């Protein structure tokens, strides 16, 4: 008599199941992380130089020219960037909104990390990754903490 194989999912603990449920959010976050980094960079470079060219982005992002060109093609297709061949990259209104939102999140996370005593050079590096994965509730709590001068407020009870 042949035994039926058990699926790994049927044997998962509640903690493992909860962790697995978080993966789709992490995958979505990673998918938008590059777009957010690029639109933020385009905005900053254009503000500093007047325009943003592929070579400016490659230098800023520390990636190859080819990587920038391919990423810009995806951002153009997504409606976030406008770019003519050999011309500068400019943000569409949707790209400008994304850049503003990403910049605000970055500033919130950076202020929080500094408020809890993380050294500036470490806070700047860590904020780059954390900004893309923090939920709105977490960002609100970070902003409240910074605004309160570092006084912790009791968290609301979970439903």
Protein backbone atom coordinates (compact mmCIF):
# COMPACT_ATOMS: atom_id res chain seq x y z
CA UNK A 1 0.00 0.00 0.00
CA UNK A 2 1.38 3.35 -1.03
CA UNK A 3 1.31 6.25 1.42
CA UNK A 4 0.02 9.58 0.34
CA UNK A 5 2.62 12.34 0.51
CA UNK A 6 1.87 15.17 2.89
CA UNK A 7 2.19 18.67 1.60
CA UNK A 8 4.65 20.91 3.48
CA UNK A 9 1.93 23.54 3.80
CA UNK A 10 -0.31 21.14 5.72
CA UNK A 11 2.47 20.63 8.27
CA UNK A 12 3.31 24.32 8.74
CA UNK A 13 3.12 25.75 12.22
CA UNK A 14 0.95 28.83 12.81
CA UNK A 15 4.12 30.94 13.02
CA UNK A 16 5.39 29.56 9.70
CA UNK A 17 2.01 30.16 8.10
CA UNK A 18 2.01 33.76 9.34
CA UNK A 19 5.52 34.31 7.98
CA UNK A 20 4.52 32.85 4.61
CA UNK A 21 1.51 35.17 4.50
CA UNK A 22 3.87 38.15 4.75
CA UNK A 23 5.83 37.15 1.61
CA UNK A 24 3.38 38.66 -0.93
CA UNK A 25 3.76 42.08 0.74
CA UNK A 26 7.54 41.81 0.69
CA UNK A 27 7.48 40.85 -3.00
CA UNK A 28 5.23 43.83 -3.80
CA UNK A 29 7.53 46.11 -1.80
CA UNK A 30 10.58 44.90 -3.73
CA UNK A 31 8.78 45.42 -7.02
CA UNK A 32 8.17 49.10 -6.27
CA UNK A 33 11.46 49.71 -4.42
CA UNK A 34 13.50 50.23 -7.60
CA UNK A 35 10.86 52.48 -9.14
CA UNK A 36 10.74 54.61 -5.99
CA UNK A 37 14.53 54.87 -5.81
CA UNK A 38 14.75 55.93 -9.45
CA UNK A 39 11.99 58.55 -9.33
CA UNK A 40 13.52 59.97 -6.14
CA UNK A 41 16.91 60.12 -7.86
CA UNK A 42 15.47 61.73 -11.02
CA UNK A 43 13.78 64.38 -8.91
CA UNK A 44 16.94 65.12 -6.90
CA UNK A 45 19.24 65.22 -9.95
CA UNK A 46 16.84 67.41 -11.94
CA UNK A 47 16.52 69.77 -8.97
CA UNK A 48 20.33 70.03 -8.65
CA UNK A 49 21.30 70.07 -12.36
CA UNK A 50 18.20 71.31 -14.16
CA UNK A 51 17.90 68.01 -16.06
CA UNK A 52 18.50 64.33 -15.42
CA UNK A 53 20.34 62.30 -18.03
CA UNK A 54 21.11 58.57 -18.13
CA UNK A 55 24.75 59.19 -17.20
CA UNK A 56 23.66 61.24 -14.17
CA UNK A 57 21.44 58.39 -12.99
CA UNK A 58 24.11 55.75 -13.59
CA UNK A 59 26.57 57.73 -11.50
CA UNK A 60 24.03 58.47 -8.77
CA UNK A 61 22.71 54.89 -8.53
CA UNK A 62 26.18 53.35 -9.05
CA UNK A 63 24.93 51.06 -11.79
CA UNK A 64 25.74 50.61 -15.47
CA UNK A 65 24.34 52.71 -18.29
CA UNK A 66 22.53 49.61 -19.59
CA UNK A 67 20.85 49.04 -16.22
CA UNK A 68 19.58 52.63 -16.18
CA UNK A 69 18.28 52.42 -19.76
CA UNK A 70 16.38 49.19 -19.04
CA UNK A 71 14.94 50.53 -15.80
CA UNK A 72 13.87 53.77 -17.47
CA UNK A 73 12.10 51.74 -20.17
CA UNK A 74 10.06 50.01 -17.43
CA UNK A 75 9.32 53.34 -15.73
CA UNK A 76 8.20 54.87 -19.03
CA UNK A 77 5.91 51.87 -19.63
CA UNK A 78 4.52 52.30 -16.09
CA UNK A 79 3.73 55.95 -16.78
CA UNK A 80 6.14 57.30 -14.17
CA UNK A 81 8.82 58.79 -16.46
CA UNK A 82 8.85 60.52 -19.82
CA UNK A 83 11.98 60.20 -21.94
CA UNK A 84 12.82 60.79 -25.58
CA UNK A 85 15.75 58.88 -27.11
CA UNK A 86 19.02 60.53 -26.02
CA UNK A 87 17.01 63.06 -24.04
CA UNK A 88 16.72 63.72 -20.32
CA UNK A 89 14.38 61.76 -18.07
CA UNK A 90 11.50 63.73 -16.59
CA UNK A 91 8.86 62.67 -14.12
CA UNK A 92 5.24 62.45 -15.13
CA UNK A 93 2.70 63.70 -12.58
CA UNK A 94 2.38 60.11 -11.29
CA UNK A 95 6.17 59.83 -11.04
CA UNK A 96 6.37 63.14 -9.19
CA UNK A 97 3.73 61.92 -6.69
CA UNK A 98 5.66 58.69 -6.17
CA UNK A 99 8.91 60.62 -5.66
CA UNK A 100 7.29 62.95 -3.12
CA UNK A 101 5.77 60.03 -1.19
CA UNK A 102 9.05 58.10 -1.20
CA UNK A 103 10.99 61.19 -0.07
CA UNK A 104 8.53 61.84 2.77
CA UNK A 105 8.78 58.21 3.94
CA UNK A 106 12.58 58.36 3.76
CA UNK A 107 12.68 61.55 5.82
CA UNK A 108 10.32 60.05 8.42
CA UNK A 109 12.39 56.87 8.82
CA UNK A 110 15.65 58.83 8.90
CA UNK A 111 14.34 61.20 11.61
CA UNK A 112 13.13 58.23 13.66
CA UNK A 113 16.43 56.39 13.44
CA UNK A 114 18.31 59.53 14.47
CA UNK A 115 15.85 60.09 17.34
CA UNK A 116 16.57 56.65 18.78
CA UNK A 117 20.29 57.31 18.63
CA UNK A 118 21.40 55.58 15.44
CA UNK A 119 24.56 57.30 14.14
CA UNK A 120 23.91 59.51 11.09
CA UNK A 121 25.93 57.45 8.59
CA UNK A 122 24.19 54.23 9.69
CA UNK A 123 20.74 55.87 9.83
CA UNK A 124 21.16 57.20 6.27
CA UNK A 125 22.07 53.73 4.96
CA UNK A 126 19.37 51.89 6.92
CA UNK A 127 16.63 54.38 6.02
CA UNK A 128 17.20 53.51 2.35
CA UNK A 129 15.93 49.98 2.89
CA UNK A 130 13.43 50.47 5.69
CA UNK A 131 11.49 53.22 3.93
CA UNK A 132 10.21 50.75 1.34
CA UNK A 133 8.92 48.16 3.78
CA UNK A 134 7.37 50.10 6.66
CA UNK A 135 3.58 50.09 6.75
CA UNK A 136 1.61 53.33 7.01
CA UNK A 137 0.83 52.49 10.66
CA UNK A 138 4.53 52.05 11.41
CA UNK A 139 5.42 55.30 9.65
CA UNK A 140 2.71 57.13 11.62
CA UNK A 141 4.08 55.74 14.88
CA UNK A 142 7.61 56.78 13.90
CA UNK A 143 6.41 60.29 13.06
CA UNK A 144 4.52 60.54 16.38
CA UNK A 145 7.62 59.39 18.27
CA UNK A 146 9.80 62.00 16.59
CA UNK A 147 7.18 64.74 17.03
CA UNK A 148 6.84 63.89 20.74
CA UNK A 149 10.54 64.42 21.28
CA UNK A 150 11.12 60.71 21.75
CA UNK A 151 8.41 59.97 24.29
CA UNK A 152 6.77 56.62 23.65
CA UNK A 153 3.01 56.44 23.56
CA UNK A 154 1.29 53.20 24.49
CA UNK A 155 0.32 51.23 21.40
CA UNK A 156 -3.33 50.70 20.70
CA UNK A 157 -4.59 47.21 21.48
CA UNK A 158 -4.67 44.91 18.49
CA UNK A 159 -8.14 43.87 17.34
